[in-house]
Amino acid sequence: MDAKVKHMIGQMIIAGFPSPRLDDQVRRLVEDFQVGNFALFARNLLTTEQICALTAELHQYVYEKNGLAAFIACDQEGGVVSRVGVGTALFPGAMSMTASACADPYRTGKNCSAALSALGIRGNFGPVLDVNIQPMNPIIGTRSYADNTADVIKYGVAMVRGMTEGGTMTAVKHFPGHGNTSSDSHLELPRNGCDPETLRRVEFAPFKEAFDAGADALMTCHVLFEQIDPEHPATLSKKIMTDLLRKEMGFTGVAITDCMAMQAIQRSYGIGPGAVLAVNAGCDILCFSHTYESVSQAVNAIYEAVETGVISVERIQESYDRIVAMKKKYGVLTPPAIDVEHAKRVMQDPEVLAFNRQQSRESMLLQYDNGGLAAMKSGKRVRYFAPESIAVTGAEDAERAPTRLSELAVQRFGGESVVYPMSEFDEATAAAIADPAYDVAVLALYNARLRPSQQAILRALETDGRPLVVLLMGAAYDVPLVKRADALVVAHEYTWLAATSLLDVLETGEFKGRLPATLPDTLPGTLQ
């Protein structure tokens, strides 16, 4: 194959790698396939100094090998999906922002852009513009701003404007919408059966508004829209990625796929065939979050498809031109300057840190209090029950240090901590509930509507009879699960920032948050 075509195909790949340094996988990807772009995850991002060193080395290495510097991006949505886990890059997630009395998504976007740019990261896979219509959605939930189009546009597009004006490529996701599904594309192929008119009015609208506001990139969703293309999910659908996106919406930017190794693609189509379909559908950059092998399968399939005429060279050129234009716009045709001391100042800016914490504190919602908070502060023996904040979806980082709310609460207020398994009602937790040696129970739940074991723990404490305070560390959709509690608080997300902000507000009693979504009357499949 012509060397120029191979070079262009390499620019159409963005890949992950396993370590916090420029490792052998990076070298093999660049040497073997001329991979031109890299996605970073928590496993790659440890400290400000280390991140700056890594991105500088990546830019220089890729430039020396390919003649173009790397485009480096990460998922910095805020909340539970925050690949950079330090300093000013940590801010509340989407639904927390909608709930916050002092939310300023435009300012947050500019601050996020400043942090990422200082670290040598010029692209953000975010914000999430999915309208979370389905309360039982296992993968979007509080990553969405709301369950209604108006709020998603209000908050999400402001975030887009802030990041874009700050000089960060903003890849809005998951085009054209992952909010109305009840399955996770990391694990299977979700389906959306809505009619096209409703889709355009409700789920597609935030993306069109974002494009008009300056978003020049997007990330696709692996969702099958049955009434638009019954054979291919959005990522692989020409009807969606060309006819809808380019012709109808007029989008001229860069279309990036969600990870092509997710089971929605791998199990249903195969990585190689899926890659060919994605390119022909109109996708510009194909994402592979983890392995060399998945990139190899995809690139070799694309090589063969070009050689046999299944993919035209003109189609490759079209994407290549968009990618080069993007690199030029964001200053990465050549390696950008990265100043570690400047990055340290940006990452520890006290004004931004205080603002992020204020937004988090003012998102805390007191659903009701019938004496529970007073009982918690009465000096009686309090026992805190909470799960460990392990990664529970494919979008979260397993490498992130876990948060244990019960331990943080005991450090702040005294009492006893019980850390229970995220998805198991074990004997130790049952014994701790039945134990007579406490007077007040404080129970933290994390998206319990999706976890029967947490519902069982809740029921056990409800029937125990002692005063009970329930803290929802996930979506407010869990509110209907609670049948008896003396106080109910919604914190929206289980992160260190949210947990410590919640403890601040429990101490002061200053709850200012609002309900960011409509509560369902019932939750299918939950314990009554």
Protein backbone atom coordinates (compact mmCIF):
# COMPACT_ATOMS: atom_id res chain seq x y z
CA MET A 1 0.00 0.00 0.00
CA ASP A 2 1.08 3.56 -0.73
CA ALA A 3 3.03 5.03 2.22
CA LYS A 4 0.97 8.22 2.13
CA VAL A 5 -2.27 6.27 2.52
CA LYS A 6 -0.84 4.35 5.49
CA HIS A 7 0.16 7.67 7.05
CA MET A 8 -3.37 9.02 6.59
CA ILE A 9 -4.92 5.90 8.10
CA GLY A 10 -2.60 6.22 11.11
CA GLN A 11 -3.97 9.71 11.71
CA MET A 12 -7.46 8.20 11.85
CA ILE A 13 -6.63 6.21 15.00
CA ILE A 14 -6.64 7.34 18.62
CA ALA A 15 -5.37 4.69 21.04
CA GLY A 16 -4.91 4.05 24.72
CA PHE A 17 -1.97 2.38 26.42
CA PRO A 18 -1.47 0.81 29.84
CA SER A 19 1.12 2.80 31.74
CA PRO A 20 1.96 6.31 32.99
CA ARG A 21 4.94 6.55 30.64
CA LEU A 22 5.65 6.30 26.93
CA ASP A 23 5.74 2.50 26.89
CA ASP A 24 6.37 -0.29 24.41
CA GLN A 25 2.73 -0.34 23.33
CA VAL A 26 2.95 3.30 22.24
CA ARG A 27 6.16 2.58 20.31
CA ARG A 28 4.66 -0.45 18.57
CA LEU A 29 1.49 1.45 17.63
CA VAL A 30 3.49 4.29 16.10
CA GLU A 31 6.13 2.08 14.47
CA ASP A 32 3.71 -0.47 13.05
CA PHE A 33 0.67 1.64 12.17
CA GLN A 34 1.80 5.29 12.38
CA VAL A 35 -0.88 5.91 15.02
CA GLY A 36 -1.18 9.67 15.33
CA ASN A 37 -3.32 10.30 18.41
CA PHE A 38 -3.59 9.05 21.99
CA ALA A 39 -6.33 8.86 24.62
CA LEU A 40 -5.34 9.09 28.27
CA PHE A 41 -7.03 7.43 31.24
CA ALA A 42 -6.51 7.47 35.02
CA ARG A 43 -3.92 4.72 34.61
CA ASN A 44 -1.81 7.19 32.62
CA LEU A 45 -2.40 10.30 34.74
CA LEU A 46 -0.89 10.49 38.22
CA THR A 47 0.57 13.89 39.11
CA THR A 48 0.94 17.25 37.40
CA GLU A 49 4.66 16.74 36.84
CA GLN A 50 4.22 13.22 35.50
CA ILE A 51 1.38 14.20 33.15
CA CYS A 52 3.37 17.08 31.69
CA ALA A 53 6.38 14.83 31.14
CA LEU A 54 4.24 12.16 29.48
CA THR A 55 2.39 14.47 27.10
CA ALA A 56 5.59 16.30 26.12
CA GLU A 57 7.29 13.00 25.33
CA LEU A 58 4.27 11.71 23.40
CA HIS A 59 4.03 14.86 21.29
CA GLN A 60 7.74 14.79 20.47
CA TYR A 61 7.95 11.06 19.76
CA VAL A 62 4.91 11.02 17.48
CA TYR A 63 6.13 14.14 15.67
CA GLU A 64 9.54 12.64 15.02
CA LYS A 65 8.00 9.43 13.65
CA ASN A 66 4.96 10.79 11.79
CA GLY A 67 5.76 14.39 10.92
CA LEU A 68 2.72 15.57 12.91
CA ALA A 69 2.45 15.86 16.68
CA ALA A 70 -0.08 13.74 18.55
CA PHE A 71 -3.57 14.86 19.31
CA ILE A 72 -3.95 13.94 23.00
CA ALA A 73 -7.38 13.78 24.60
CA CYS A 74 -9.17 12.36 27.62
CA ASP A 75 -12.66 12.07 29.11
CA GLN A 76 -12.87 14.99 31.55
CA GLU A 77 -16.63 15.12 32.02
CA GLY A 78 -16.49 16.00 35.70
CA GLY A 79 -17.90 13.79 38.44
CA VAL A 80 -17.40 10.04 38.16
CA VAL A 81 -15.75 10.26 34.72
CA SER A 82 -12.69 12.44 35.36
CA ARG A 83 -9.50 10.94 33.97
CA VAL A 84 -7.35 13.71 35.47
CA GLY A 85 -7.86 13.15 39.18
CA VAL A 86 -5.98 16.09 40.65
CA GLY A 87 -6.40 19.81 41.28
CA THR A 88 -8.59 22.17 39.31
CA ALA A 89 -9.47 19.48 36.76
CA LEU A 90 -11.82 17.97 39.36
CA PHE A 91 -15.27 19.55 39.19
CA PRO A 92 -18.85 18.32 39.69
CA GLY A 93 -20.41 16.09 37.08
CA ALA A 94 -23.22 17.11 34.77
CA MET A 95 -26.32 16.35 36.87
CA SER A 96 -24.62 17.75 39.99
CA MET A 97 -24.08 20.97 38.08
CA THR A 98 -27.73 21.15 37.09
CA ALA A 99 -28.65 20.64 40.76
CA SER A 100 -26.27 23.31 42.03
CA ALA A 101 -27.57 26.71 43.12
CA CYS A 102 -24.38 28.40 41.90
CA ALA A 103 -23.76 26.41 38.72
CA ASP A 104 -21.69 28.15 36.07
CA PRO A 105 -20.95 25.62 33.31
CA TYR A 106 -19.36 28.25 31.05
CA ARG A 107 -16.82 29.18 33.73
CA THR A 108 -16.32 25.51 34.55
CA GLY A 109 -15.63 24.77 30.89
CA LYS A 110 -13.04 27.53 30.67
CA ASN A 111 -11.38 26.31 33.87
CA CYS A 112 -11.35 22.73 32.59
CA SER A 113 -9.81 23.88 29.32
CA ALA A 114 -7.10 25.82 31.16
CA ALA A 115 -6.20 22.76 33.23
CA LEU A 116 -6.09 20.33 30.30
CA SER A 117 -4.15 22.73 28.06
CA ALA A 118 -1.56 23.33 30.77
CA LEU A 119 -1.05 19.58 30.98
CA GLY A 120 -0.53 19.21 27.22
CA ILE A 121 -4.00 17.74 26.60
CA ARG A 122 -5.80 19.59 23.79
CA GLY A 123 -8.96 17.50 23.50
CA ASN A 124 -11.84 16.60 25.83
CA PHE A 125 -14.29 13.81 25.14
CA GLY A 126 -17.15 15.75 26.65
CA PRO A 127 -19.47 17.14 27.74
CA VAL A 128 -22.19 14.50 27.69
CA LEU A 129 -25.22 15.82 25.79
CA ASP A 130 -27.35 12.71 26.18
CA VAL A 131 -30.83 13.41 27.53
CA ASN A 132 -31.22 10.80 30.27
CA ILE A 133 -34.81 9.86 29.51
CA GLN A 134 -34.52 6.35 30.96
CA PRO A 135 -34.08 6.30 34.80
CA MET A 136 -32.76 2.72 34.61
CA ASN A 137 -30.01 3.70 32.16
CA PRO A 138 -26.94 1.94 33.60
CA ILE A 139 -24.22 3.92 31.81
CA ILE A 140 -25.36 7.56 31.45
CA GLY A 141 -27.44 8.56 34.50
CA THR A 142 -25.86 11.52 36.31
CA ARG A 143 -23.29 11.93 33.53
CA SER A 144 -26.20 13.67 31.76
CA TYR A 145 -27.26 17.17 32.74
CA ALA A 146 -30.93 16.25 32.94
CA ASP A 147 -33.82 14.18 31.66
CA ASN A 148 -35.15 17.06 29.58
CA THR A 149 -33.79 18.66 26.42
CA ALA A 150 -33.98 22.26 27.66
CA ASP A 151 -31.67 21.75 30.65
CA VAL A 152 -29.23 19.64 28.66
CA ILE A 153 -28.96 22.46 26.13
CA LYS A 154 -28.77 25.19 28.81
CA TYR A 155 -25.96 23.63 30.82
CA GLY A 156 -24.24 21.47 28.21
CA VAL A 157 -23.92 24.11 25.51
CA ALA A 158 -22.58 26.63 28.04
CA MET A 159 -19.91 24.08 28.97
CA VAL A 160 -19.09 23.65 25.26
CA ARG A 161 -18.68 27.39 24.82
CA GLY A 162 -16.38 27.67 27.81
CA MET A 163 -14.13 24.81 26.74
CA THR A 164 -14.04 25.86 23.10
CA GLU A 165 -13.23 29.48 23.92
CA GLY A 166 -10.54 28.18 26.25
CA GLY A 167 -8.83 26.45 23.34
CA THR A 168 -9.85 22.84 23.89
CA MET A 169 -11.32 20.57 21.23
CA THR A 170 -14.72 19.64 22.61
CA ALA A 171 -16.06 16.28 21.44
CA VAL A 172 -19.69 16.28 22.51
CA LYS A 173 -21.10 12.84 23.15
CA HIS A 174 -22.61 10.36 22.64
CA PHE A 175 -23.96 11.38 19.24
CA PRO A 176 -26.81 11.18 18.46
CA GLY A 177 -27.91 10.14 21.98
CA HIS A 178 -27.41 7.35 24.56
CA GLY A 179 -29.89 8.59 27.17
CA ASN A 180 -32.95 6.59 26.19
CA THR A 181 -31.51 3.10 26.62
CA SER A 182 -31.59 0.57 29.43
CA SER A 183 -28.37 -1.27 28.54
CA ASP A 184 -24.67 -0.45 28.43
CA SER A 185 -22.85 -0.45 25.08
CA HIS A 186 -19.67 -1.52 26.87
CA LEU A 187 -21.45 -4.85 27.40
CA GLU A 188 -24.07 -5.22 24.65
CA LEU A 189 -25.80 -3.41 21.78
CA PRO A 190 -28.44 -0.98 23.12
CA ARG A 191 -31.49 -0.13 21.05
CA ASN A 192 -33.65 2.96 20.72
CA GLY A 193 -37.05 2.51 19.12
CA CYS A 194 -38.22 6.14 19.08
CA ASP A 195 -39.63 7.65 15.93
CA PRO A 196 -37.37 10.05 13.98
CA GLU A 197 -39.51 13.12 14.70
CA THR A 198 -39.27 12.62 18.47
CA LEU A 199 -35.56 11.86 18.23
CA ARG A 200 -34.91 15.10 16.37
CA ARG A 201 -36.92 17.16 18.85
CA VAL A 202 -35.65 15.54 22.07
CA GLU A 203 -32.35 13.68 21.71
CA PHE A 204 -30.69 15.17 18.63
CA ALA A 205 -31.43 18.81 19.50
CA PRO A 206 -28.62 19.31 22.09
CA PHE A 207 -26.03 18.21 19.55
CA LYS A 208 -27.30 20.59 16.88
CA GLU A 209 -27.24 23.44 19.42
CA ALA A 210 -23.68 22.51 20.41
CA PHE A 211 -22.51 22.44 16.79
CA ASP A 212 -24.01 25.89 16.28
CA ALA A 213 -22.19 27.06 19.45
CA GLY A 214 -18.79 25.98 18.15
CA ALA A 215 -18.33 22.31 19.03
CA ASP A 216 -16.14 21.03 16.22
CA ALA A 217 -15.90 17.39 17.25
CA LEU A 218 -18.15 14.65 18.55
CA MET A 219 -17.97 11.14 19.94
CA THR A 220 -20.44 8.61 18.63
CA CYS A 221 -22.64 6.13 20.46
CA HIS A 222 -22.92 2.42 19.69
CA VAL A 223 -26.74 2.51 19.83
CA LEU A 224 -29.07 1.04 17.22
CA PHE A 225 -31.76 3.55 16.25
CA GLU A 226 -34.29 1.09 14.93
CA GLN A 227 -36.46 3.55 13.00
CA ILE A 228 -33.51 5.23 11.25
CA ASP A 229 -31.16 2.34 10.52
CA PRO A 230 -32.36 -1.07 11.74
CA GLU A 231 -29.11 -2.79 10.71
CA HIS A 232 -26.29 -0.63 12.08
CA PRO A 233 -25.66 1.26 15.33
CA ALA A 234 -24.95 4.97 14.94
CA THR A 235 -21.16 4.55 14.76
CA LEU A 236 -21.48 2.22 11.77
CA SER A 237 -24.47 3.88 10.09
CA LYS A 238 -24.04 6.05 7.00
CA LYS A 239 -27.63 7.17 7.44
CA ILE A 240 -26.65 8.71 10.77
CA MET A 241 -22.97 9.66 10.39
CA THR A 242 -23.33 11.13 6.90
CA ASP A 243 -26.98 11.74 6.02
CA LEU A 244 -28.09 13.03 9.43
CA LEU A 245 -24.83 14.52 10.70
CA ARG A 246 -23.22 16.01 7.62
CA LYS A 247 -26.12 16.66 5.25
CA GLU A 248 -29.01 17.46 7.58
CA MET A 249 -27.17 19.06 10.53
CA GLY A 250 -24.38 20.59 8.47
CA PHE A 251 -21.59 19.39 10.75
CA THR A 252 -18.14 19.91 9.23
CA GLY A 253 -15.93 18.89 12.16
CA VAL A 254 -14.28 15.66 13.28
CA ALA A 255 -16.38 12.59 14.14
CA ILE A 256 -14.68 10.31 16.67
CA THR A 257 -16.03 6.89 17.55
CA ASP A 258 -16.53 5.61 21.06
CA CYS A 259 -14.17 2.71 21.77
CA MET A 260 -14.42 0.20 18.93
CA ALA A 261 -13.53 -2.68 21.25
CA MET A 262 -16.73 -2.27 23.27
CA GLN A 263 -18.97 -5.32 23.14
CA ALA A 264 -21.70 -3.49 21.20
CA ILE A 265 -19.28 -3.52 18.24
CA GLN A 266 -16.97 -6.43 18.98
CA ARG A 267 -19.66 -8.99 19.71
CA SER A 268 -22.17 -7.92 17.08
CA TYR A 269 -19.90 -6.97 14.16
CA GLY A 270 -16.25 -7.67 14.99
CA ILE A 271 -13.51 -5.08 15.42
CA GLY A 272 -12.11 -5.34 11.88
CA PRO A 273 -15.43 -5.35 10.00
CA GLY A 274 -16.74 -2.71 12.41
CA ALA A 275 -13.78 -0.44 11.64
CA VAL A 276 -14.45 -0.68 7.90
CA LEU A 277 -18.14 0.07 8.41
CA ALA A 278 -17.31 3.05 10.66
CA VAL A 279 -14.99 4.61 8.09
CA ASN A 280 -17.48 4.15 5.28
CA ALA A 281 -20.25 5.50 7.51
CA GLY A 282 -18.32 8.77 7.79
CA CYS A 283 -16.33 8.51 11.05
CA ASP A 284 -12.96 10.30 10.99
CA ILE A 285 -11.11 8.93 14.03
CA LEU A 286 -11.56 5.43 15.47
CA CYS A 287 -10.95 5.05 19.19
CA PHE A 288 -9.32 2.03 20.87
CA SER A 289 -8.96 2.45 24.62
CA HIS A 290 -6.86 -0.53 25.62
CA THR A 291 -4.98 -3.02 23.46
CA TYR A 292 -2.50 -3.13 20.59
CA GLU A 293 -4.37 -6.15 19.22
CA SER A 294 -7.63 -4.26 18.70
CA VAL A 295 -5.82 -1.51 16.79
CA SER A 296 -4.04 -4.15 14.70
CA GLN A 297 -7.32 -5.84 13.77
CA ALA A 298 -8.89 -2.54 12.78
CA VAL A 299 -6.00 -1.05 10.84
CA ASN A 300 -5.28 -4.24 8.89
CA ALA A 301 -8.96 -4.51 7.99
CA ILE A 302 -8.90 -0.90 6.76
CA TYR A 303 -5.72 -1.57 4.75
CA GLU A 304 -7.40 -4.53 3.05
CA ALA A 305 -10.61 -2.55 2.44
CA VAL A 306 -8.64 0.24 0.73
CA GLU A 307 -6.64 -2.21 -1.37
CA THR A 308 -9.80 -3.98 -2.54
CA GLY A 309 -11.74 -0.77 -3.17
CA VAL A 310 -14.27 -1.27 -0.35
CA ILE A 311 -13.01 2.02 1.12
CA SER A 312 -11.93 4.65 -1.36
CA VAL A 313 -8.72 6.64 -0.97
CA GLU A 314 -10.91 9.74 -1.37
CA ARG A 315 -12.84 8.74 1.75
CA ILE A 316 -9.55 8.40 3.70
CA GLN A 317 -8.34 11.76 2.36
CA GLU A 318 -11.56 13.43 3.48
CA SER A 319 -11.04 12.38 7.10
CA TYR A 320 -7.32 13.12 6.99
CA ASP A 321 -7.98 16.68 5.86
CA ARG A 322 -10.41 17.23 8.73
CA ILE A 323 -7.91 15.83 11.25
CA VAL A 324 -5.02 17.96 10.00
CA ALA A 325 -7.25 21.05 10.10
CA MET A 326 -8.17 20.21 13.69
CA LYS A 327 -4.51 19.77 14.67
CA LYS A 328 -3.69 23.11 13.06
CA LYS A 329 -6.54 24.86 14.88
CA TYR A 330 -5.47 23.52 18.29
CA GLY A 331 -1.76 24.02 17.80
CA VAL A 332 -0.52 20.44 17.54
CA LEU A 333 0.88 20.19 14.04
CA THR A 334 4.18 20.42 15.94
CA PRO A 335 4.83 19.67 19.61
CA PRO A 336 3.29 22.38 21.80
CA ALA A 337 5.28 24.01 24.61
CA ILE A 338 4.47 22.54 28.03
CA ASP A 339 5.58 24.52 31.10
CA VAL A 340 5.49 22.38 34.26
CA GLU A 341 5.63 25.34 36.63
CA HIS A 342 2.74 27.01 34.80
CA ALA A 343 0.79 23.75 34.96
CA LYS A 344 1.34 23.52 38.72
CA ARG A 345 0.00 27.04 39.19
CA VAL A 346 -3.06 26.33 37.05
CA MET A 347 -3.79 22.99 38.72
CA GLN A 348 -3.62 24.52 42.21
CA ASP A 349 -5.35 27.83 41.49
CA PRO A 350 -7.08 28.52 44.84
CA GLU A 351 -9.93 30.47 43.27
CA VAL A 352 -10.83 27.61 40.90
CA LEU A 353 -10.50 24.98 43.62
CA ALA A 354 -12.83 26.98 45.87
CA PHE A 355 -15.33 27.50 43.05
CA ASN A 356 -15.44 23.78 42.20
CA ARG A 357 -16.08 22.96 45.86
CA GLN A 358 -18.77 25.64 46.11
CA GLN A 359 -20.60 24.24 43.08
CA SER A 360 -20.42 20.79 44.65
CA ARG A 361 -21.64 21.93 48.08
CA GLU A 362 -24.55 23.84 46.61
CA SER A 363 -25.71 20.79 44.66
CA MET A 364 -26.53 18.87 47.85
CA LEU A 365 -30.29 18.33 48.05
CA LEU A 366 -32.27 17.70 51.22
CA GLN A 367 -35.30 15.78 49.97
CA TYR A 368 -36.84 15.75 53.46
CA ASP A 369 -35.89 15.70 57.12
CA ASN A 370 -38.17 14.44 59.87
CA GLY A 371 -35.66 14.72 62.68
CA GLY A 372 -33.05 12.43 61.16
CA LEU A 373 -30.28 15.03 60.87
CA ALA A 374 -30.82 16.09 64.48
CA ALA A 375 -30.62 12.45 65.57
CA MET A 376 -27.35 12.08 63.67
CA LYS A 377 -25.92 15.08 65.54
CA SER A 378 -27.43 14.26 68.93
CA GLY A 379 -24.34 12.66 70.41
CA LYS A 380 -25.88 9.20 70.23
CA ARG A 381 -23.95 6.27 68.82
CA VAL A 382 -24.00 6.63 65.02
CA ARG A 383 -23.05 3.88 62.61
CA TYR A 384 -22.31 4.82 59.00
CA PHE A 385 -22.90 2.23 56.27
CA ALA A 386 -21.43 2.95 52.81
CA PRO A 387 -20.07 1.07 49.80
CA GLU A 388 -16.59 1.63 48.46
CA SER A 389 -16.64 3.79 45.32
CA ILE A 390 -15.19 1.19 42.99
CA ALA A 391 -15.64 1.48 39.22
CA VAL A 392 -18.99 -0.13 38.39
CA THR A 393 -19.35 0.75 34.69
CA GLY A 394 -17.04 0.59 31.71
CA ALA A 395 -16.90 4.40 31.64
CA GLU A 396 -15.30 4.67 35.09
CA ASP A 397 -11.63 4.21 35.96
CA ALA A 398 -10.81 1.06 37.93
CA GLU A 399 -7.41 2.57 38.73
CA ARG A 400 -8.86 5.53 40.64
CA ALA A 401 -8.32 5.44 44.42
CA PRO A 402 -11.67 4.51 46.03
CA THR A 403 -13.70 6.82 48.26
CA ARG A 404 -15.19 5.39 51.47
CA LEU A 405 -17.83 7.81 52.69
CA SER A 406 -18.38 6.00 55.99
CA GLU A 407 -14.71 6.33 56.91
CA LEU A 408 -14.64 10.01 55.94
CA ALA A 409 -17.76 10.59 58.05
CA VAL A 410 -16.24 8.91 61.10
CA GLN A 411 -13.09 11.02 60.72
CA ARG A 412 -15.26 14.14 60.65
CA PHE A 413 -18.03 13.34 63.17
CA GLY A 414 -16.98 10.25 65.12
CA GLY A 415 -19.03 7.05 65.26
CA GLU A 416 -18.43 3.73 63.51
CA SER A 417 -17.83 2.83 59.88
CA VAL A 418 -19.16 -0.17 57.98
CA VAL A 419 -17.86 -0.45 54.42
CA TYR A 420 -20.11 -2.88 52.61
CA PRO A 421 -19.55 -4.49 49.17
CA MET A 422 -20.92 -2.47 46.25
CA SER A 423 -23.00 -5.35 44.89
CA GLU A 424 -23.36 -7.85 47.74
CA PHE A 425 -25.30 -8.02 51.01
CA ASP A 426 -22.75 -10.03 52.96
CA GLU A 427 -22.93 -11.62 56.39
CA ALA A 428 -20.72 -8.99 57.98
CA THR A 429 -23.06 -6.18 56.89
CA ALA A 430 -26.12 -8.12 58.07
CA ALA A 431 -24.49 -8.61 61.47
CA ALA A 432 -23.56 -4.92 61.68
CA ILE A 433 -27.19 -3.95 60.99
CA ALA A 434 -28.57 -6.32 63.62
CA ASP A 435 -25.97 -5.36 66.25
CA PRO A 436 -27.62 -3.45 69.14
CA ALA A 437 -24.49 -1.36 69.83
CA TYR A 438 -25.57 1.76 67.88
CA ASP A 439 -28.49 4.19 68.06
CA VAL A 440 -28.64 5.91 64.67
CA ALA A 441 -27.94 4.46 61.20
CA VAL A 442 -26.68 6.54 58.29
CA LEU A 443 -26.84 4.61 55.02
CA ALA A 444 -25.15 5.67 51.79
CA LEU A 445 -26.45 4.10 48.57
CA TYR A 446 -24.98 4.28 45.07
CA ASN A 447 -27.52 3.90 42.27
CA ALA A 448 -29.32 1.27 44.30
CA ARG A 449 -32.09 0.91 41.72
CA LEU A 450 -29.54 -1.06 39.67
CA ARG A 451 -28.26 -3.12 42.65
CA PRO A 452 -30.67 -5.48 44.45
CA SER A 453 -28.14 -6.07 47.25
CA GLN A 454 -28.22 -2.38 48.20
CA GLN A 455 -32.02 -2.42 48.14
CA ALA A 456 -31.91 -5.38 50.56
CA ILE A 457 -29.57 -3.48 52.90
CA LEU A 458 -31.96 -0.51 52.78
CA ARG A 459 -34.95 -2.71 53.60
CA ALA A 460 -33.08 -4.31 56.51
CA LEU A 461 -32.31 -0.90 58.04
CA GLU A 462 -35.83 0.39 57.35
CA THR A 463 -37.36 -2.49 59.28
CA ASP A 464 -34.77 -2.32 62.09
CA GLY A 465 -36.62 0.62 63.62
CA ARG A 466 -33.76 2.83 64.73
CA PRO A 467 -33.46 6.38 63.33
CA LEU A 468 -32.25 6.19 59.72
CA VAL A 469 -30.66 8.81 57.49
CA VAL A 470 -30.27 7.84 53.82
CA LEU A 471 -27.66 9.49 51.60
CA LEU A 472 -28.04 8.90 47.87
CA MET A 473 -24.55 9.04 46.33
CA GLY A 474 -25.93 8.46 42.85
CA ALA A 475 -28.92 9.71 40.89
CA ALA A 476 -32.03 11.12 42.55
CA TYR A 477 -33.92 8.40 40.66
CA ASP A 478 -33.32 6.25 43.77
CA VAL A 479 -35.65 8.41 45.90
CA PRO A 480 -38.74 6.20 45.34
CA LEU A 481 -36.81 3.20 46.69
CA VAL A 482 -36.78 4.70 50.18
CA LYS A 483 -39.90 3.66 52.08
CA ARG A 484 -38.88 4.76 55.58
CA ALA A 485 -36.19 7.24 56.51
CA ASP A 486 -35.99 10.06 58.99
CA ALA A 487 -33.98 12.13 56.50
CA LEU A 488 -33.16 11.71 52.84
CA VAL A 489 -30.29 13.54 51.11
CA VAL A 490 -29.27 13.41 47.42
CA ALA A 491 -25.56 13.95 46.60
CA HIS A 492 -25.85 12.89 42.91
CA GLU A 493 -22.40 11.26 42.53
CA TYR A 494 -19.88 9.22 44.49
CA THR A 495 -16.58 11.04 44.18
CA TRP A 496 -14.14 12.41 46.74
CA LEU A 497 -15.31 15.96 45.93
CA ALA A 498 -18.99 15.08 46.36
CA ALA A 499 -18.39 13.03 49.52
CA THR A 500 -16.41 15.74 51.29
CA SER A 501 -18.83 18.43 50.12
CA LEU A 502 -21.72 16.39 51.49
CA LEU A 503 -20.02 16.14 54.88
CA ASP A 504 -19.51 19.92 54.84
CA VAL A 505 -23.21 20.47 54.24
CA LEU A 506 -24.30 17.88 56.80
CA GLU A 507 -22.21 19.84 59.28
CA THR A 508 -23.59 23.29 58.36
CA GLY A 509 -27.13 22.30 57.42
CA GLU A 510 -26.99 24.59 54.38
CA PHE A 511 -28.68 22.51 51.68
CA LYS A 512 -29.17 24.54 48.48
CA GLY A 513 -29.46 21.91 45.73
CA ARG A 514 -32.47 21.41 43.48
CA LEU A 515 -33.91 18.27 41.95
CA PRO A 516 -32.21 17.87 38.53
CA ALA A 517 -34.54 15.20 37.13
CA THR A 518 -38.13 14.04 37.36
CA LEU A 519 -38.57 11.25 39.87
CA PRO A 520 -40.14 8.06 38.47
CA ASP A 521 -43.33 6.73 40.08
CA THR A 522 -41.94 3.20 39.99
CA LEU A 523 -38.63 1.54 39.25
CA PRO A 524 -38.98 -1.77 37.37
CA GLY A 525 -37.34 -4.79 38.95
CA THR A 526 -36.72 -3.20 42.35
CA LEU A 527 -37.57 -4.62 45.77
CA GLN A 528 -40.86 -3.40 47.22
